[in-house]
Amino acid sequence: MGLLTLSDPTKRRHTSYTPPSVPSQQGAATTVYCAVAPELEGLGGMYFNNCCRCLPSAEAQNEVTARALWELSERLIQERVGRQTS
């Protein structure tokens, strides 16, 4: 599976993505579980994998990376919105 690393968010990297080879029902299980599990009612900000709560990777918890991703996302949205209103 291709991954995008945001160590330098100003450089675009192209990766190929190979979808996981699991049935769609199994692939959707975690999303469905998190949406309907009564024990998760009112909770947020957690990471789940295969219906189990997990700690995100160190890179996913990196504040510098998070800030860079946020700024890149804002810039890309502004570029897209600017093109649509022109």
N, C-alpha and C. Protein backbone atom coordinates (compact mmCIF):
# COMPACT_ATOMS: atom_id res chain seq x y z
N MET A 1 0.86 -1.17 0.00
CA MET A 1 0.00 0.00 0.00
C MET A 1 0.90 1.23 0.00
N GLY A 2 0.60 2.20 -0.82
CA GLY A 2 1.38 3.42 -0.91
C GLY A 2 1.07 4.36 0.24
N LEU A 3 2.09 5.01 0.77
CA LEU A 3 1.91 5.96 1.86
C LEU A 3 2.51 7.29 1.46
N LEU A 4 1.94 8.35 1.97
CA LEU A 4 2.44 9.70 1.71
C LEU A 4 3.07 10.21 2.99
N THR A 5 4.33 10.61 2.93
CA THR A 5 5.02 11.14 4.09
C THR A 5 5.05 12.65 3.96
N LEU A 6 4.70 13.35 5.05
CA LEU A 6 4.62 14.81 5.00
C LEU A 6 5.81 15.47 5.69
N SER A 7 6.99 14.87 5.58
CA SER A 7 8.14 15.52 6.20
C SER A 7 8.43 16.86 5.54
N ASP A 8 8.10 16.98 4.26
CA ASP A 8 8.19 18.26 3.55
C ASP A 8 6.91 18.41 2.73
N PRO A 9 5.89 19.04 3.32
CA PRO A 9 4.58 19.10 2.66
C PRO A 9 4.56 19.96 1.40
N THR A 10 5.65 20.70 1.14
CA THR A 10 5.66 21.52 -0.07
C THR A 10 6.03 20.70 -1.30
N LYS A 11 6.56 19.51 -1.10
CA LYS A 11 6.93 18.64 -2.21
C LYS A 11 5.83 17.61 -2.39
N ARG A 12 5.33 17.54 -3.59
CA ARG A 12 4.32 16.54 -3.87
C ARG A 12 5.00 15.23 -4.20
N ARG A 13 4.51 14.20 -3.59
CA ARG A 13 5.06 12.88 -3.86
C ARG A 13 3.94 12.04 -4.44
N HIS A 14 4.27 11.30 -5.45
CA HIS A 14 3.28 10.43 -6.06
C HIS A 14 3.56 9.00 -5.62
N THR A 15 2.55 8.38 -5.11
CA THR A 15 2.68 6.99 -4.70
C THR A 15 1.57 6.20 -5.36
N SER A 16 1.79 4.95 -5.52
CA SER A 16 0.71 4.12 -6.01
C SER A 16 0.00 3.52 -4.81
N TYR A 17 -1.27 3.36 -4.93
CA TYR A 17 -2.07 2.82 -3.84
C TYR A 17 -2.68 1.51 -4.30
N THR A 18 -2.42 0.48 -3.56
CA THR A 18 -3.01 -0.81 -3.84
C THR A 18 -4.04 -1.08 -2.74
N PRO A 19 -5.31 -1.16 -3.10
CA PRO A 19 -6.32 -1.40 -2.07
C PRO A 19 -6.06 -2.71 -1.34
N PRO A 20 -6.40 -2.76 -0.06
CA PRO A 20 -6.20 -4.00 0.67
C PRO A 20 -7.05 -5.11 0.06
N SER A 21 -6.55 -6.30 0.13
CA SER A 21 -7.28 -7.43 -0.46
C SER A 21 -8.19 -8.08 0.58
N VAL A 22 -9.16 -7.33 1.05
CA VAL A 22 -10.16 -7.85 1.98
C VAL A 22 -11.53 -7.54 1.41
N PRO A 23 -12.51 -8.37 1.73
CA PRO A 23 -13.87 -8.09 1.26
C PRO A 23 -14.35 -6.73 1.78
N SER A 24 -15.23 -6.08 1.02
CA SER A 24 -15.70 -4.75 1.41
C SER A 24 -16.38 -4.76 2.77
N GLN A 25 -17.09 -5.82 3.11
CA GLN A 25 -17.73 -5.88 4.43
C GLN A 25 -16.69 -5.84 5.54
N GLN A 26 -15.60 -6.57 5.36
CA GLN A 26 -14.54 -6.58 6.36
C GLN A 26 -13.85 -5.22 6.39
N GLY A 27 -13.66 -4.63 5.22
CA GLY A 27 -13.02 -3.33 5.15
C GLY A 27 -13.84 -2.24 5.83
N ALA A 28 -15.15 -2.37 5.82
CA ALA A 28 -16.04 -1.37 6.42
C ALA A 28 -16.33 -1.64 7.89
N ALA A 29 -15.93 -2.78 8.40
CA ALA A 29 -16.31 -3.19 9.75
C ALA A 29 -15.91 -2.18 10.82
N THR A 30 -14.69 -1.66 10.76
CA THR A 30 -14.24 -0.72 11.79
C THR A 30 -15.04 0.57 11.74
N THR A 31 -15.30 1.08 10.55
CA THR A 31 -16.08 2.31 10.40
C THR A 31 -17.48 2.11 10.94
N VAL A 32 -18.10 1.00 10.60
CA VAL A 32 -19.45 0.72 11.08
C VAL A 32 -19.44 0.55 12.59
N TYR A 33 -18.48 -0.20 13.11
CA TYR A 33 -18.38 -0.39 14.57
C TYR A 33 -18.30 0.95 15.29
N CYS A 34 -17.40 1.82 14.82
CA CYS A 34 -17.24 3.12 15.49
C CYS A 34 -18.49 3.99 15.38
N ALA A 35 -19.26 3.80 14.32
CA ALA A 35 -20.48 4.60 14.14
C ALA A 35 -21.62 4.15 15.02
N VAL A 36 -21.67 2.87 15.35
CA VAL A 36 -22.86 2.36 16.05
C VAL A 36 -22.59 1.78 17.43
N ALA A 37 -21.36 1.62 17.85
CA ALA A 37 -21.07 1.00 19.15
C ALA A 37 -21.54 1.90 20.29
N PRO A 38 -22.45 1.40 21.12
CA PRO A 38 -22.96 2.24 22.21
C PRO A 38 -21.87 2.67 23.18
N GLU A 39 -20.84 1.85 23.36
CA GLU A 39 -19.79 2.21 24.31
C GLU A 39 -18.92 3.37 23.81
N LEU A 40 -19.05 3.74 22.55
CA LEU A 40 -18.30 4.86 22.00
C LEU A 40 -19.15 6.13 21.89
N GLU A 41 -20.38 6.07 22.32
CA GLU A 41 -21.30 7.21 22.24
C GLU A 41 -20.68 8.43 22.93
N GLY A 42 -20.61 9.54 22.20
CA GLY A 42 -20.10 10.79 22.75
C GLY A 42 -18.59 10.89 22.83
N LEU A 43 -17.88 9.88 22.39
CA LEU A 43 -16.42 9.90 22.42
C LEU A 43 -15.88 10.20 21.04
N GLY A 44 -14.71 10.74 20.98
CA GLY A 44 -14.07 11.04 19.70
C GLY A 44 -12.58 11.15 19.88
N GLY A 45 -11.89 11.35 18.78
CA GLY A 45 -10.45 11.55 18.83
C GLY A 45 -9.66 10.29 19.08
N MET A 46 -10.26 9.14 18.82
CA MET A 46 -9.56 7.88 19.03
C MET A 46 -9.26 7.23 17.68
N TYR A 47 -8.26 6.36 17.67
CA TYR A 47 -7.85 5.65 16.46
C TYR A 47 -8.21 4.18 16.62
N PHE A 48 -8.86 3.64 15.61
CA PHE A 48 -9.24 2.23 15.63
C PHE A 48 -8.69 1.51 14.41
N ASN A 49 -8.32 0.27 14.59
CA ASN A 49 -7.87 -0.59 13.50
C ASN A 49 -8.44 -1.98 13.76
N ASN A 50 -9.11 -2.54 12.78
CA ASN A 50 -9.75 -3.85 12.93
C ASN A 50 -10.65 -3.90 14.18
N CYS A 51 -11.43 -2.86 14.36
CA CYS A 51 -12.40 -2.73 15.45
C CYS A 51 -11.76 -2.66 16.84
N CYS A 52 -10.48 -2.41 16.91
CA CYS A 52 -9.79 -2.30 18.20
C CYS A 52 -9.17 -0.91 18.32
N ARG A 53 -9.28 -0.34 19.52
CA ARG A 53 -8.65 0.95 19.75
C ARG A 53 -7.14 0.77 19.80
N CYS A 54 -6.41 1.62 19.08
CA CYS A 54 -4.96 1.53 18.99
C CYS A 54 -4.35 2.91 19.17
N LEU A 55 -3.08 2.94 19.45
CA LEU A 55 -2.36 4.20 19.44
C LEU A 55 -1.93 4.49 18.01
N PRO A 56 -2.11 5.72 17.55
CA PRO A 56 -1.61 6.07 16.23
C PRO A 56 -0.08 6.00 16.22
N SER A 57 0.49 5.96 15.04
CA SER A 57 1.95 5.94 14.91
C SER A 57 2.53 7.22 15.49
N ALA A 58 3.82 7.20 15.75
CA ALA A 58 4.50 8.40 16.26
C ALA A 58 4.37 9.55 15.28
N GLU A 59 4.47 9.26 13.98
CA GLU A 59 4.35 10.32 12.96
C GLU A 59 2.95 10.93 12.98
N ALA A 60 1.93 10.11 13.21
CA ALA A 60 0.56 10.62 13.25
C ALA A 60 0.34 11.52 14.47
N GLN A 61 1.16 11.37 15.50
CA GLN A 61 1.03 12.18 16.71
C GLN A 61 1.98 13.38 16.72
N ASN A 62 2.75 13.55 15.65
CA ASN A 62 3.74 14.61 15.58
C ASN A 62 3.05 15.95 15.32
N GLU A 63 3.22 16.89 16.23
CA GLU A 63 2.58 18.21 16.12
C GLU A 63 3.06 19.00 14.92
N VAL A 64 4.34 18.89 14.59
CA VAL A 64 4.88 19.62 13.44
C VAL A 64 4.23 19.10 12.16
N THR A 65 4.13 17.78 12.05
CA THR A 65 3.49 17.17 10.89
C THR A 65 2.02 17.57 10.82
N ALA A 66 1.35 17.56 11.95
CA ALA A 66 -0.07 17.93 11.99
C ALA A 66 -0.27 19.37 11.52
N ARG A 67 0.57 20.26 11.99
CA ARG A 67 0.48 21.67 11.59
C ARG A 67 0.75 21.83 10.09
N ALA A 68 1.76 21.12 9.59
CA ALA A 68 2.10 21.20 8.17
C ALA A 68 0.95 20.66 7.32
N LEU A 69 0.34 19.58 7.75
CA LEU A 69 -0.79 19.01 7.01
C LEU A 69 -1.97 19.97 7.01
N TRP A 70 -2.23 20.59 8.15
CA TRP A 70 -3.33 21.55 8.24
C TRP A 70 -3.09 22.73 7.29
N GLU A 71 -1.89 23.28 7.31
CA GLU A 71 -1.57 24.42 6.45
C GLU A 71 -1.64 24.04 4.97
N LEU A 72 -1.15 22.86 4.64
CA LEU A 72 -1.23 22.39 3.26
C LEU A 72 -2.69 22.21 2.84
N SER A 73 -3.49 21.64 3.72
CA SER A 73 -4.91 21.44 3.42
C SER A 73 -5.61 22.78 3.20
N GLU A 74 -5.35 23.75 4.05
CA GLU A 74 -5.95 25.08 3.88
C GLU A 74 -5.55 25.70 2.55
N ARG A 75 -4.26 25.59 2.21
CA ARG A 75 -3.78 26.16 0.96
C ARG A 75 -4.43 25.50 -0.25
N LEU A 76 -4.52 24.18 -0.24
CA LEU A 76 -5.13 23.47 -1.36
C LEU A 76 -6.61 23.80 -1.49
N ILE A 77 -7.31 23.95 -0.37
CA ILE A 77 -8.72 24.33 -0.41
C ILE A 77 -8.87 25.73 -0.98
N GLN A 78 -8.03 26.65 -0.53
CA GLN A 78 -8.10 28.02 -1.04
C GLN A 78 -7.81 28.06 -2.54
N GLU A 79 -6.84 27.27 -2.98
CA GLU A 79 -6.55 27.22 -4.41
C GLU A 79 -7.76 26.69 -5.19
N ARG A 80 -8.41 25.67 -4.67
CA ARG A 80 -9.57 25.09 -5.35
C ARG A 80 -10.74 26.06 -5.34
N VAL A 81 -11.00 26.69 -4.21
CA VAL A 81 -12.10 27.64 -4.10
C VAL A 81 -11.83 28.84 -5.00
N GLY A 82 -10.59 29.30 -5.03
CA GLY A 82 -10.24 30.43 -5.88
C GLY A 82 -10.49 30.13 -7.35
N ARG A 83 -10.21 28.91 -7.77
CA ARG A 83 -10.44 28.54 -9.17
C ARG A 83 -11.93 28.45 -9.49
N GLN A 84 -12.73 28.03 -8.52
CA GLN A 84 -14.16 27.86 -8.75
C GLN A 84 -14.88 29.20 -8.79
N THR A 85 -14.37 30.21 -8.08
CA THR A 85 -15.05 31.50 -8.05
C THR A 85 -14.58 32.42 -9.16
N SER A 86 -13.54 32.04 -9.88
CA SER A 86 -13.00 32.90 -10.95
C SER A 86 -13.84 32.78 -12.21
